[in-house]
């Protein structure tokens, strides 16, 4: 039964401390919940509308989830989305959220692999969109600074549109990680080599900085090559997620 207590517990998962305490997080909306059902994430509780259950009954039954059919309004009142006539899932976090390097280097980066490094990305929508972009371009790993927004923030998960199920995100001391790097380290800056003309390496790390302040000075010192996206208009800067997509597209076409 959809009780007030259950609703309160679900709402509490919007808070980082409660997510850390319980090891659970929220997934909302049709596409994201379907992606989760098709992944190896463990769904603890699934709240769905009759529409969603009818459309995906076989998938739900195959996963043998604790599933309850509720009214759309109940899902909307409990979750973070203004409109959700499909589903909400309470999901078990994986145990790879943080990574202790323990002196290890990144020499396992593949010959043609590109890795993203995020330096204090704070906006959950940006982070989620970057994860989705990474998925589009075949990027499998993201190394995020400790100051980057929580991967399991509901707004991050929603913005990924299900791509969170395919991307491994590790929280690290970014300076420490990059110091140990044995592959080229590129960073996005307002001034640098023209991304349209730059000869990108076969593999490497692309560092993207904070929405307002860019890449931190301590990380900037470790950047081997500064890259910029040429402007043809009047705006001062690009959104960090858009800039990530542009740079990855140029790298992949190189």
Protein backbone atom coordinates (compact mmCIF):
# COMPACT_ATOMS: atom_id res chain seq x y z
CA UNK A 1 0.00 0.00 0.00
CA UNK A 2 1.19 3.52 -0.83
CA UNK A 3 1.29 4.90 2.70
CA UNK A 4 2.33 8.31 4.02
CA UNK A 5 5.38 6.67 5.57
CA UNK A 6 6.47 5.21 2.26
CA UNK A 7 5.92 8.53 0.52
CA UNK A 8 8.06 10.26 3.16
CA UNK A 9 10.85 7.70 2.76
CA UNK A 10 10.86 8.19 -1.00
CA UNK A 11 10.96 11.96 -0.65
CA UNK A 12 13.90 11.62 1.73
CA UNK A 13 15.95 10.12 -1.09
CA UNK A 14 16.14 13.60 -2.57
CA UNK A 15 18.58 14.35 0.25
CA UNK A 16 22.20 13.25 -0.23
CA UNK A 17 22.69 12.27 3.41
CA UNK A 18 19.67 9.95 3.31
CA UNK A 19 20.86 8.42 0.03
CA UNK A 20 24.24 7.75 1.61
CA UNK A 21 22.63 6.31 4.74
CA UNK A 22 20.32 3.94 2.88
CA UNK A 23 22.43 3.23 -0.20
CA UNK A 24 19.35 3.86 -2.34
CA UNK A 25 18.42 6.38 -5.05
CA UNK A 26 15.47 7.41 -7.22
CA UNK A 27 14.86 6.77 -10.90
CA UNK A 28 11.86 8.53 -12.44
CA UNK A 29 10.05 8.59 -15.78
CA UNK A 30 9.28 5.96 -18.39
CA UNK A 31 12.56 5.91 -20.33
CA UNK A 32 14.84 6.00 -17.30
CA UNK A 33 12.94 3.28 -15.43
CA UNK A 34 12.87 1.04 -18.52
CA UNK A 35 16.63 1.51 -18.94
CA UNK A 36 17.08 0.56 -15.29
CA UNK A 37 14.90 -2.54 -15.69
CA UNK A 38 17.11 -3.56 -18.60
CA UNK A 39 20.32 -3.01 -16.60
CA UNK A 40 22.10 -4.85 -13.80
CA UNK A 41 20.99 -2.30 -11.20
CA UNK A 42 18.90 -3.83 -8.42
CA UNK A 43 15.46 -2.28 -8.13
CA UNK A 44 14.11 -2.50 -4.59
CA UNK A 45 10.66 -1.03 -5.16
CA UNK A 46 8.80 -0.12 -8.33
CA UNK A 47 5.79 2.19 -8.38
CA UNK A 48 4.04 2.24 -11.74
CA UNK A 49 0.85 3.46 -13.33
CA UNK A 50 -1.54 1.06 -15.02
CA UNK A 51 -0.35 2.38 -18.39
CA UNK A 52 3.28 1.55 -17.61
CA UNK A 53 2.48 -1.87 -16.15
CA UNK A 54 0.41 -2.86 -19.19
CA UNK A 55 3.11 -1.72 -21.61
CA UNK A 56 6.04 -3.36 -19.79
CA UNK A 57 4.40 -6.18 -17.84
CA UNK A 58 6.68 -8.88 -19.27
CA UNK A 59 9.84 -6.92 -18.43
CA UNK A 60 8.58 -6.23 -14.90
CA UNK A 61 7.63 -9.87 -14.32
CA UNK A 62 10.96 -11.11 -15.70
CA UNK A 63 12.85 -8.93 -13.23
CA UNK A 64 10.61 -10.11 -10.36
CA UNK A 65 10.49 -6.64 -8.80
CA UNK A 66 8.42 -5.52 -5.83
CA UNK A 67 5.92 -3.70 -8.03
CA UNK A 68 2.87 -1.69 -7.03
CA UNK A 69 0.34 -0.05 -9.37
CA UNK A 70 -0.56 3.46 -8.23
CA UNK A 71 -2.24 6.57 -9.60
CA UNK A 72 -0.11 9.08 -11.56
CA UNK A 73 -0.82 11.77 -9.01
CA UNK A 74 0.73 9.68 -6.24
CA UNK A 75 3.96 9.30 -8.20
CA UNK A 76 4.11 13.02 -8.97
CA UNK A 77 3.53 14.03 -5.35
CA UNK A 78 6.30 11.70 -4.20
CA UNK A 79 8.95 12.23 -6.86
CA UNK A 80 10.80 15.24 -8.22
CA UNK A 81 9.22 15.47 -11.68
CA UNK A 82 6.35 17.88 -12.27
CA UNK A 83 4.78 15.39 -14.64
CA UNK A 84 5.23 11.64 -14.36
CA UNK A 85 2.44 9.36 -15.56
CA UNK A 86 4.68 6.29 -15.84
CA UNK A 87 6.93 5.02 -13.08
CA UNK A 88 9.25 5.63 -10.15
CA UNK A 89 11.86 3.16 -8.93
CA UNK A 90 13.83 2.91 -5.71
CA UNK A 91 17.18 1.45 -6.71
CA UNK A 92 20.24 0.08 -4.91
CA UNK A 93 23.40 2.10 -5.45
CA UNK A 94 26.44 0.30 -6.78
CA UNK A 95 29.57 0.15 -4.67
CA UNK A 96 31.82 1.84 -7.23
CA UNK A 97 30.83 5.43 -6.46
CA UNK A 98 34.26 6.27 -5.04
CA UNK A 99 37.69 5.11 -6.12
CA UNK A 100 40.80 4.98 -3.95
CA UNK A 101 43.71 5.07 -6.35
CA UNK A 102 46.17 3.65 -3.79
CA UNK A 103 49.11 4.67 -5.90
CA UNK A 104 47.65 3.19 -9.07
CA UNK A 105 48.08 4.94 -12.39
CA UNK A 106 45.73 5.18 -15.35
CA UNK A 107 47.87 2.92 -17.56
CA UNK A 108 44.79 0.76 -18.15
CA UNK A 109 43.29 3.42 -20.44
CA UNK A 110 42.89 1.69 -23.78
CA UNK A 111 44.83 2.52 -26.90
CA UNK A 112 41.83 4.32 -28.44
CA UNK A 113 39.99 5.19 -25.23
CA UNK A 114 38.90 8.68 -24.22
CA UNK A 115 38.18 9.34 -20.56
CA UNK A 116 36.35 12.37 -19.17
CA UNK A 117 37.56 14.17 -16.05
CA UNK A 118 35.17 16.64 -14.41
CA UNK A 119 36.56 19.40 -12.21
CA UNK A 120 33.87 20.58 -9.76
CA UNK A 121 30.81 20.34 -11.99
CA UNK A 122 28.07 21.55 -9.64
CA UNK A 123 24.86 21.68 -11.66
CA UNK A 124 23.07 18.31 -11.62
CA UNK A 125 21.45 18.95 -15.00
CA UNK A 126 24.85 19.60 -16.56
CA UNK A 127 26.37 16.50 -14.97
CA UNK A 128 23.50 14.30 -16.10
CA UNK A 129 23.66 15.68 -19.63
CA UNK A 130 27.43 15.10 -19.75
CA UNK A 131 26.83 11.46 -18.76
CA UNK A 132 24.30 11.15 -21.57
CA UNK A 133 26.73 12.76 -24.03
CA UNK A 134 29.48 10.41 -22.89
CA UNK A 135 27.17 7.48 -23.60
CA UNK A 136 26.46 8.84 -27.10
CA UNK A 137 30.17 9.05 -27.92
CA UNK A 138 31.06 5.69 -26.43
CA UNK A 139 32.85 7.06 -23.36
CA UNK A 140 32.69 4.42 -20.63
CA UNK A 141 34.44 6.13 -17.70
CA UNK A 142 34.19 9.50 -16.01
CA UNK A 143 36.52 10.58 -13.20
CA UNK A 144 34.91 13.32 -11.12
CA UNK A 145 36.49 15.54 -8.49
CA UNK A 146 35.21 15.22 -4.95
CA UNK A 147 33.53 18.61 -5.36
CA UNK A 148 31.42 17.43 -8.29
CA UNK A 149 27.69 17.00 -7.65
CA UNK A 150 26.50 13.60 -6.38
CA UNK A 151 26.03 11.05 -9.17
CA UNK A 152 22.86 9.74 -7.48
CA UNK A 153 21.19 13.15 -7.22
CA UNK A 154 17.69 12.64 -8.73
CA UNK A 155 18.21 15.54 -11.15
CA UNK A 156 21.46 13.99 -12.39
CA UNK A 157 19.80 10.61 -12.91
CA UNK A 158 16.83 12.16 -14.72
CA UNK A 159 19.05 14.21 -17.03
CA UNK A 160 20.98 11.11 -18.11
CA UNK A 161 17.80 9.62 -19.66
CA UNK A 162 18.99 6.18 -18.58
CA UNK A 163 22.62 6.56 -19.66
CA UNK A 164 23.70 6.32 -16.00
CA UNK A 165 23.25 2.55 -16.35
CA UNK A 166 26.11 2.34 -18.88
CA UNK A 167 28.68 4.85 -17.61
CA UNK A 168 31.07 4.21 -14.71
CA UNK A 169 31.58 7.36 -12.63
CA UNK A 170 34.41 7.45 -10.07
CA UNK A 171 35.00 10.17 -7.50
CA UNK A 172 38.70 10.85 -7.02
CA UNK A 173 41.23 13.39 -5.87
CA UNK A 174 41.45 14.75 -9.41
CA UNK A 175 44.89 16.33 -8.98
CA UNK A 176 46.26 13.06 -7.66
CA UNK A 177 44.66 11.11 -10.49
CA UNK A 178 46.01 13.39 -13.23
CA UNK A 179 49.50 13.50 -11.71
CA UNK A 180 49.69 9.76 -12.23
CA UNK A 181 48.50 9.94 -15.82
CA UNK A 182 50.58 8.37 -18.56
CA UNK A 183 48.35 9.50 -21.41
CA UNK A 184 47.76 12.98 -22.93
CA UNK A 185 45.68 15.33 -20.77
CA UNK A 186 43.59 17.89 -22.64
CA UNK A 187 41.55 20.64 -21.05
CA UNK A 188 38.79 22.98 -22.22
CA UNK A 189 39.72 26.67 -21.96
CA UNK A 190 38.59 29.97 -23.44
CA UNK A 191 42.04 30.34 -24.99
CA UNK A 192 43.92 27.43 -26.52
CA UNK A 193 44.39 25.39 -29.67
CA UNK A 194 41.47 25.56 -32.11
CA UNK A 195 39.50 22.32 -31.63
CA UNK A 196 38.58 22.35 -35.34
CA UNK A 197 42.24 22.20 -36.38
CA UNK A 198 43.85 20.37 -33.49
CA UNK A 199 45.34 16.94 -34.10
CA UNK A 200 43.78 14.96 -31.26
CA UNK A 201 45.71 11.97 -29.87
CA UNK A 202 44.40 8.41 -30.19
CA UNK A 203 43.64 8.24 -26.49
CA UNK A 204 43.68 10.55 -23.52
CA UNK A 205 41.80 12.45 -20.84
CA UNK A 206 39.52 15.41 -21.51
CA UNK A 207 39.14 17.72 -18.50
CA UNK A 208 36.04 19.91 -18.25
CA UNK A 209 35.83 22.62 -15.61
CA UNK A 210 33.31 24.27 -13.32
CA UNK A 211 30.40 26.14 -14.90
CA UNK A 212 31.47 29.54 -13.51
CA UNK A 213 35.18 29.27 -12.77
CA UNK A 214 36.45 26.73 -15.28
CA UNK A 215 39.30 24.37 -14.45
CA UNK A 216 40.92 24.95 -11.05
CA UNK A 217 44.50 26.32 -11.00
CA UNK A 218 45.91 23.15 -9.41
CA UNK A 219 44.42 21.00 -12.16
CA UNK A 220 45.32 23.50 -14.89
CA UNK A 221 49.02 22.97 -14.11
CA UNK A 222 48.63 19.33 -15.13
CA UNK A 223 46.94 20.01 -18.47
CA UNK A 224 49.29 19.10 -21.32
CA UNK A 225 47.20 20.75 -24.05
CA UNK A 226 44.63 23.55 -23.79
CA UNK A 227 41.79 23.30 -26.31
CA UNK A 228 39.21 25.92 -27.22
CA UNK A 229 36.06 25.94 -29.33
CA UNK A 230 36.19 28.85 -31.79
CA UNK A 231 33.37 31.36 -31.53
CA UNK A 232 31.61 32.92 -34.52
CA UNK A 233 29.12 35.01 -32.58
CA UNK A 234 28.80 37.32 -29.59
CA UNK A 235 28.03 35.05 -26.61
CA UNK A 236 30.76 34.89 -23.96
CA UNK A 237 30.81 31.16 -23.34
CA UNK A 238 29.18 27.78 -23.92
CA UNK A 239 27.34 25.61 -21.43
CA UNK A 240 29.80 22.99 -20.11
CA UNK A 241 27.68 20.06 -21.34
CA UNK A 242 27.43 21.55 -24.85
CA UNK A 243 31.17 22.23 -24.84
CA UNK A 244 31.81 18.62 -23.84
CA UNK A 245 29.75 17.39 -26.80
CA UNK A 246 31.53 19.69 -29.26
CA UNK A 247 34.99 18.64 -28.10
CA UNK A 248 34.17 14.94 -28.07
CA UNK A 249 32.71 15.24 -31.56
CA UNK A 250 35.90 16.86 -32.83
CA UNK A 251 38.02 14.26 -31.07
CA UNK A 252 36.01 11.37 -32.48
CA UNK A 253 36.15 12.81 -36.03
CA UNK A 254 39.89 13.36 -35.87
